[in-house]
Amino acid sequence: MAVFTEVPEDEAGALVRKLQLGELVLLRGIQGGIENTNYFLTVDNGDNKHDYVLTLKHELNAQAIAALSGESSKIQADVSKLIDDMNASIARADEFIKQMPK
């Protein structure tokens, strides 16, 4: 991991907001690598701070990009299913609470 490509803090902040992760608190380059550019990001979503690693791939071919695109769609479908399951669980819990004696 190393820093071969400089990422301005305002651009990293815009990416964090676009991904709806919160607000960028800290952007720090990771030194010592040989192939990709990597940064530590600390993000505040209003409730908690979370740490992420931003990796810029420098040698992606068309096949790798297509694979990442397909993976993104699968992840989005998985997240949507998890949200649906969570909402169903919340609805069941609400029904249970309504039936409890007061």
N, C-alpha and C. Protein backbone atom coordinates (compact mmCIF):
# COMPACT_ATOMS: atom_id res chain seq x y z
N MET A 1 0.84 -1.17 0.00
CA MET A 1 0.00 0.00 0.00
C MET A 1 0.89 1.24 0.00
N ALA A 2 0.44 2.25 -0.71
CA ALA A 2 1.21 3.48 -0.81
C ALA A 2 0.30 4.59 -1.31
N VAL A 3 0.88 5.77 -1.42
CA VAL A 3 0.15 6.90 -1.98
C VAL A 3 0.84 7.30 -3.28
N PHE A 4 0.28 6.85 -4.41
CA PHE A 4 0.79 7.23 -5.72
C PHE A 4 -0.06 8.35 -6.33
N THR A 5 -1.31 8.42 -5.92
CA THR A 5 -2.25 9.41 -6.43
C THR A 5 -2.76 10.25 -5.27
N GLU A 6 -2.54 11.55 -5.35
CA GLU A 6 -3.03 12.45 -4.30
C GLU A 6 -4.54 12.62 -4.44
N VAL A 7 -5.26 12.52 -3.35
CA VAL A 7 -6.70 12.72 -3.31
C VAL A 7 -6.97 13.95 -2.45
N PRO A 8 -7.47 15.02 -3.06
CA PRO A 8 -7.78 16.22 -2.26
C PRO A 8 -8.88 15.91 -1.24
N GLU A 9 -8.78 16.52 -0.08
CA GLU A 9 -9.74 16.27 1.00
C GLU A 9 -11.17 16.60 0.57
N ASP A 10 -11.34 17.67 -0.22
CA ASP A 10 -12.71 18.03 -0.64
C ASP A 10 -13.30 16.96 -1.56
N GLU A 11 -12.47 16.34 -2.41
CA GLU A 11 -12.97 15.28 -3.28
C GLU A 11 -13.30 14.02 -2.48
N ALA A 12 -12.47 13.70 -1.51
CA ALA A 12 -12.76 12.54 -0.65
C ALA A 12 -14.04 12.79 0.14
N GLY A 13 -14.22 14.01 0.64
CA GLY A 13 -15.43 14.35 1.36
C GLY A 13 -16.67 14.24 0.48
N ALA A 14 -16.55 14.67 -0.79
CA ALA A 14 -17.67 14.56 -1.72
C ALA A 14 -18.01 13.09 -1.98
N LEU A 15 -17.01 12.24 -2.10
CA LEU A 15 -17.24 10.80 -2.30
C LEU A 15 -17.95 10.20 -1.08
N VAL A 16 -17.50 10.55 0.11
CA VAL A 16 -18.11 10.03 1.34
C VAL A 16 -19.58 10.44 1.41
N ARG A 17 -19.87 11.69 1.05
CA ARG A 17 -21.27 12.14 1.07
C ARG A 17 -22.09 11.45 -0.01
N LYS A 18 -21.50 11.26 -1.20
CA LYS A 18 -22.21 10.58 -2.29
C LYS A 18 -22.57 9.15 -1.89
N LEU A 19 -21.69 8.49 -1.16
CA LEU A 19 -21.95 7.13 -0.69
C LEU A 19 -22.83 7.11 0.55
N GLN A 20 -23.23 8.29 1.01
CA GLN A 20 -24.11 8.46 2.17
C GLN A 20 -23.53 7.81 3.43
N LEU A 21 -22.22 7.99 3.61
CA LEU A 21 -21.55 7.44 4.79
C LEU A 21 -21.50 8.44 5.93
N GLY A 22 -21.68 9.71 5.65
CA GLY A 22 -21.60 10.76 6.66
C GLY A 22 -20.70 11.87 6.18
N GLU A 23 -19.93 12.44 7.12
CA GLU A 23 -19.00 13.52 6.80
C GLU A 23 -17.58 13.07 7.07
N LEU A 24 -16.68 13.40 6.17
CA LEU A 24 -15.28 13.05 6.31
C LEU A 24 -14.67 13.85 7.47
N VAL A 25 -14.02 13.13 8.39
CA VAL A 25 -13.35 13.76 9.52
C VAL A 25 -11.84 13.77 9.30
N LEU A 26 -11.31 12.68 8.75
CA LEU A 26 -9.87 12.55 8.60
C LEU A 26 -9.55 11.77 7.33
N LEU A 27 -8.57 12.25 6.59
CA LEU A 27 -8.05 11.57 5.39
C LEU A 27 -6.55 11.48 5.56
N ARG A 28 -6.02 10.24 5.58
CA ARG A 28 -4.59 10.06 5.80
C ARG A 28 -4.05 9.00 4.87
N GLY A 29 -3.04 9.34 4.10
CA GLY A 29 -2.42 8.39 3.19
C GLY A 29 -1.70 7.28 3.93
N ILE A 30 -1.75 6.08 3.34
CA ILE A 30 -1.06 4.92 3.91
C ILE A 30 0.21 4.71 3.09
N GLN A 31 1.33 4.74 3.75
CA GLN A 31 2.63 4.61 3.08
C GLN A 31 3.09 3.15 3.05
N GLY A 32 4.07 2.86 2.19
CA GLY A 32 4.76 1.60 2.25
C GLY A 32 4.35 0.54 1.25
N GLY A 33 3.46 0.84 0.33
CA GLY A 33 3.02 -0.17 -0.62
C GLY A 33 3.75 -0.05 -1.95
N ILE A 34 3.36 -0.93 -2.89
CA ILE A 34 4.05 -0.92 -4.18
C ILE A 34 3.12 -0.86 -5.38
N GLU A 35 1.80 -1.00 -5.17
CA GLU A 35 0.93 -1.15 -6.33
C GLU A 35 -0.24 -0.18 -6.39
N ASN A 36 -0.95 0.04 -5.29
CA ASN A 36 -2.15 0.86 -5.27
C ASN A 36 -1.96 2.07 -4.37
N THR A 37 -2.89 3.03 -4.49
CA THR A 37 -2.93 4.16 -3.56
C THR A 37 -3.98 3.84 -2.51
N ASN A 38 -3.62 4.02 -1.25
CA ASN A 38 -4.52 3.70 -0.15
C ASN A 38 -4.55 4.84 0.86
N TYR A 39 -5.76 5.10 1.37
CA TYR A 39 -5.96 6.12 2.39
C TYR A 39 -6.81 5.55 3.52
N PHE A 40 -6.53 5.99 4.75
CA PHE A 40 -7.44 5.78 5.86
C PHE A 40 -8.42 6.94 5.86
N LEU A 41 -9.71 6.65 6.01
CA LEU A 41 -10.72 7.67 6.14
C LEU A 41 -11.44 7.46 7.46
N THR A 42 -11.68 8.53 8.18
CA THR A 42 -12.55 8.49 9.34
C THR A 42 -13.77 9.32 8.99
N VAL A 43 -14.95 8.72 9.20
CA VAL A 43 -16.20 9.33 8.80
C VAL A 43 -17.12 9.42 10.02
N ASP A 44 -17.78 10.55 10.17
CA ASP A 44 -18.76 10.74 11.24
C ASP A 44 -20.15 10.75 10.61
N ASN A 45 -21.00 9.79 11.03
CA ASN A 45 -22.35 9.72 10.46
C ASN A 45 -23.39 10.37 11.36
N GLY A 46 -22.95 11.13 12.36
CA GLY A 46 -23.87 11.80 13.27
C GLY A 46 -24.03 11.05 14.57
N ASP A 47 -23.97 9.74 14.52
CA ASP A 47 -24.09 8.92 15.73
C ASP A 47 -22.74 8.34 16.15
N ASN A 48 -21.95 7.94 15.18
CA ASN A 48 -20.68 7.27 15.44
C ASN A 48 -19.65 7.68 14.41
N LYS A 49 -18.40 7.41 14.75
CA LYS A 49 -17.31 7.56 13.78
C LYS A 49 -16.93 6.17 13.29
N HIS A 50 -16.67 6.07 11.99
CA HIS A 50 -16.29 4.80 11.39
C HIS A 50 -15.01 5.01 10.59
N ASP A 51 -14.18 3.98 10.56
CA ASP A 51 -12.94 4.02 9.79
C ASP A 51 -13.09 3.16 8.55
N TYR A 52 -12.55 3.66 7.44
CA TYR A 52 -12.58 2.95 6.17
C TYR A 52 -11.20 3.04 5.53
N VAL A 53 -10.97 2.16 4.56
CA VAL A 53 -9.78 2.25 3.72
C VAL A 53 -10.25 2.51 2.30
N LEU A 54 -9.74 3.58 1.72
CA LEU A 54 -10.01 3.92 0.32
C LEU A 54 -8.84 3.42 -0.50
N THR A 55 -9.10 2.55 -1.46
CA THR A 55 -8.05 2.00 -2.32
C THR A 55 -8.31 2.42 -3.75
N LEU A 56 -7.31 3.03 -4.36
CA LEU A 56 -7.39 3.39 -5.78
C LEU A 56 -6.58 2.36 -6.56
N LYS A 57 -7.27 1.59 -7.38
CA LYS A 57 -6.60 0.57 -8.20
C LYS A 57 -6.02 1.26 -9.42
N HIS A 58 -4.78 0.97 -9.72
CA HIS A 58 -4.12 1.64 -10.83
C HIS A 58 -4.06 0.80 -12.10
N GLU A 59 -4.33 -0.48 -12.00
CA GLU A 59 -4.22 -1.32 -13.19
C GLU A 59 -5.42 -2.24 -13.32
N LEU A 60 -6.59 -1.67 -13.46
CA LEU A 60 -7.78 -2.47 -13.69
C LEU A 60 -8.01 -2.61 -15.19
N ASN A 61 -8.25 -3.81 -15.63
CA ASN A 61 -8.60 -4.01 -17.03
C ASN A 61 -10.12 -4.08 -17.15
N ALA A 62 -10.62 -4.16 -18.35
CA ALA A 62 -12.07 -4.16 -18.59
C ALA A 62 -12.75 -5.34 -17.89
N GLN A 63 -12.10 -6.48 -17.88
CA GLN A 63 -12.68 -7.66 -17.23
C GLN A 63 -12.81 -7.44 -15.72
N ALA A 64 -11.80 -6.85 -15.10
CA ALA A 64 -11.86 -6.59 -13.66
C ALA A 64 -12.94 -5.57 -13.35
N ILE A 65 -13.07 -4.56 -14.18
CA ILE A 65 -14.11 -3.54 -13.97
C ILE A 65 -15.50 -4.17 -14.09
N ALA A 66 -15.69 -5.02 -15.07
CA ALA A 66 -16.99 -5.70 -15.23
C ALA A 66 -17.29 -6.57 -14.02
N ALA A 67 -16.30 -7.25 -13.49
CA ALA A 67 -16.50 -8.09 -12.31
C ALA A 67 -16.89 -7.24 -11.11
N LEU A 68 -16.25 -6.10 -10.95
CA LEU A 68 -16.59 -5.21 -9.83
C LEU A 68 -18.00 -4.66 -9.99
N SER A 69 -18.40 -4.38 -11.21
CA SER A 69 -19.75 -3.88 -11.46
C SER A 69 -20.78 -4.92 -11.07
N GLY A 70 -20.56 -6.15 -11.46
CA GLY A 70 -21.47 -7.23 -11.09
C GLY A 70 -21.52 -7.43 -9.59
N GLU A 71 -20.38 -7.31 -8.94
CA GLU A 71 -20.31 -7.47 -7.49
C GLU A 71 -21.09 -6.36 -6.79
N SER A 72 -21.00 -5.17 -7.33
CA SER A 72 -21.74 -4.03 -6.76
C SER A 72 -23.25 -4.29 -6.82
N SER A 73 -23.74 -4.81 -7.93
CA SER A 73 -25.16 -5.11 -8.06
C SER A 73 -25.59 -6.17 -7.06
N LYS A 74 -24.75 -7.19 -6.87
CA LYS A 74 -25.07 -8.25 -5.91
C LYS A 74 -25.11 -7.70 -4.50
N ILE A 75 -24.16 -6.87 -4.16
CA ILE A 75 -24.13 -6.28 -2.82
C ILE A 75 -25.38 -5.43 -2.60
N GLN A 76 -25.77 -4.64 -3.60
CA GLN A 76 -26.96 -3.80 -3.47
C GLN A 76 -28.21 -4.66 -3.26
N ALA A 77 -28.30 -5.76 -3.98
CA ALA A 77 -29.45 -6.67 -3.81
C ALA A 77 -29.44 -7.27 -2.41
N ASP A 78 -28.27 -7.66 -1.92
CA ASP A 78 -28.15 -8.22 -0.57
C ASP A 78 -28.56 -7.18 0.48
N VAL A 79 -28.11 -5.95 0.30
CA VAL A 79 -28.46 -4.89 1.25
C VAL A 79 -29.96 -4.64 1.23
N SER A 80 -30.56 -4.60 0.05
CA SER A 80 -32.00 -4.39 -0.06
C SER A 80 -32.77 -5.50 0.66
N LYS A 81 -32.33 -6.74 0.50
CA LYS A 81 -32.98 -7.87 1.18
C LYS A 81 -32.84 -7.74 2.70
N LEU A 82 -31.65 -7.37 3.16
CA LEU A 82 -31.44 -7.19 4.60
C LEU A 82 -32.34 -6.09 5.16
N ILE A 83 -32.49 -5.01 4.43
CA ILE A 83 -33.35 -3.91 4.87
C ILE A 83 -34.81 -4.38 4.93
N ASP A 84 -35.24 -5.12 3.91
CA ASP A 84 -36.61 -5.66 3.93
C ASP A 84 -36.82 -6.59 5.13
N ASP A 85 -35.84 -7.46 5.39
CA ASP A 85 -35.94 -8.38 6.54
C ASP A 85 -35.99 -7.60 7.86
N MET A 86 -35.16 -6.57 7.95
CA MET A 86 -35.14 -5.75 9.16
C MET A 86 -36.49 -5.05 9.36
N ASN A 87 -37.05 -4.48 8.30
CA ASN A 87 -38.34 -3.81 8.41
C ASN A 87 -39.45 -4.78 8.80
N ALA A 88 -39.40 -6.00 8.27
CA ALA A 88 -40.39 -7.01 8.65
C ALA A 88 -40.25 -7.37 10.13
N SER A 89 -39.03 -7.49 10.60
CA SER A 89 -38.80 -7.79 12.02
C SER A 89 -39.31 -6.66 12.91
N ILE A 90 -39.09 -5.44 12.49
CA ILE A 90 -39.57 -4.29 13.25
C ILE A 90 -41.10 -4.30 13.31
N ALA A 91 -41.74 -4.59 12.18
CA ALA A 91 -43.21 -4.64 12.13
C ALA A 91 -43.73 -5.73 13.07
N ARG A 92 -43.08 -6.90 13.09
CA ARG A 92 -43.50 -7.98 13.99
C ARG A 92 -43.31 -7.57 15.46
N ALA A 93 -42.22 -6.90 15.75
CA ALA A 93 -41.97 -6.45 17.12
C ALA A 93 -43.01 -5.41 17.53
N ASP A 94 -43.34 -4.51 16.63
CA ASP A 94 -44.37 -3.50 16.92
C ASP A 94 -45.71 -4.16 17.22
N GLU A 95 -46.08 -5.17 16.44
CA GLU A 95 -47.34 -5.91 16.67
C GLU A 95 -47.32 -6.59 18.03
N PHE A 96 -46.21 -7.21 18.36
CA PHE A 96 -46.07 -7.88 19.64
C PHE A 96 -46.25 -6.89 20.79
N ILE A 97 -45.61 -5.73 20.68
CA ILE A 97 -45.71 -4.72 21.72
C ILE A 97 -47.14 -4.21 21.87
N LYS A 98 -47.84 -4.04 20.76
CA LYS A 98 -49.23 -3.58 20.81
C LYS A 98 -50.13 -4.57 21.52
N GLN A 99 -49.80 -5.85 21.46
CA GLN A 99 -50.64 -6.89 22.07
C GLN A 99 -50.34 -7.10 23.55
N MET A 100 -49.30 -6.48 24.04
CA MET A 100 -48.93 -6.65 25.44
C MET A 100 -49.95 -5.91 26.32
N PRO A 101 -50.28 -6.51 27.46
CA PRO A 101 -51.20 -5.82 28.38
C PRO A 101 -50.53 -4.55 28.92
N LYS A 102 -51.38 -3.55 29.11
CA LYS A 102 -50.84 -2.27 29.60
C LYS A 102 -50.87 -2.19 31.09
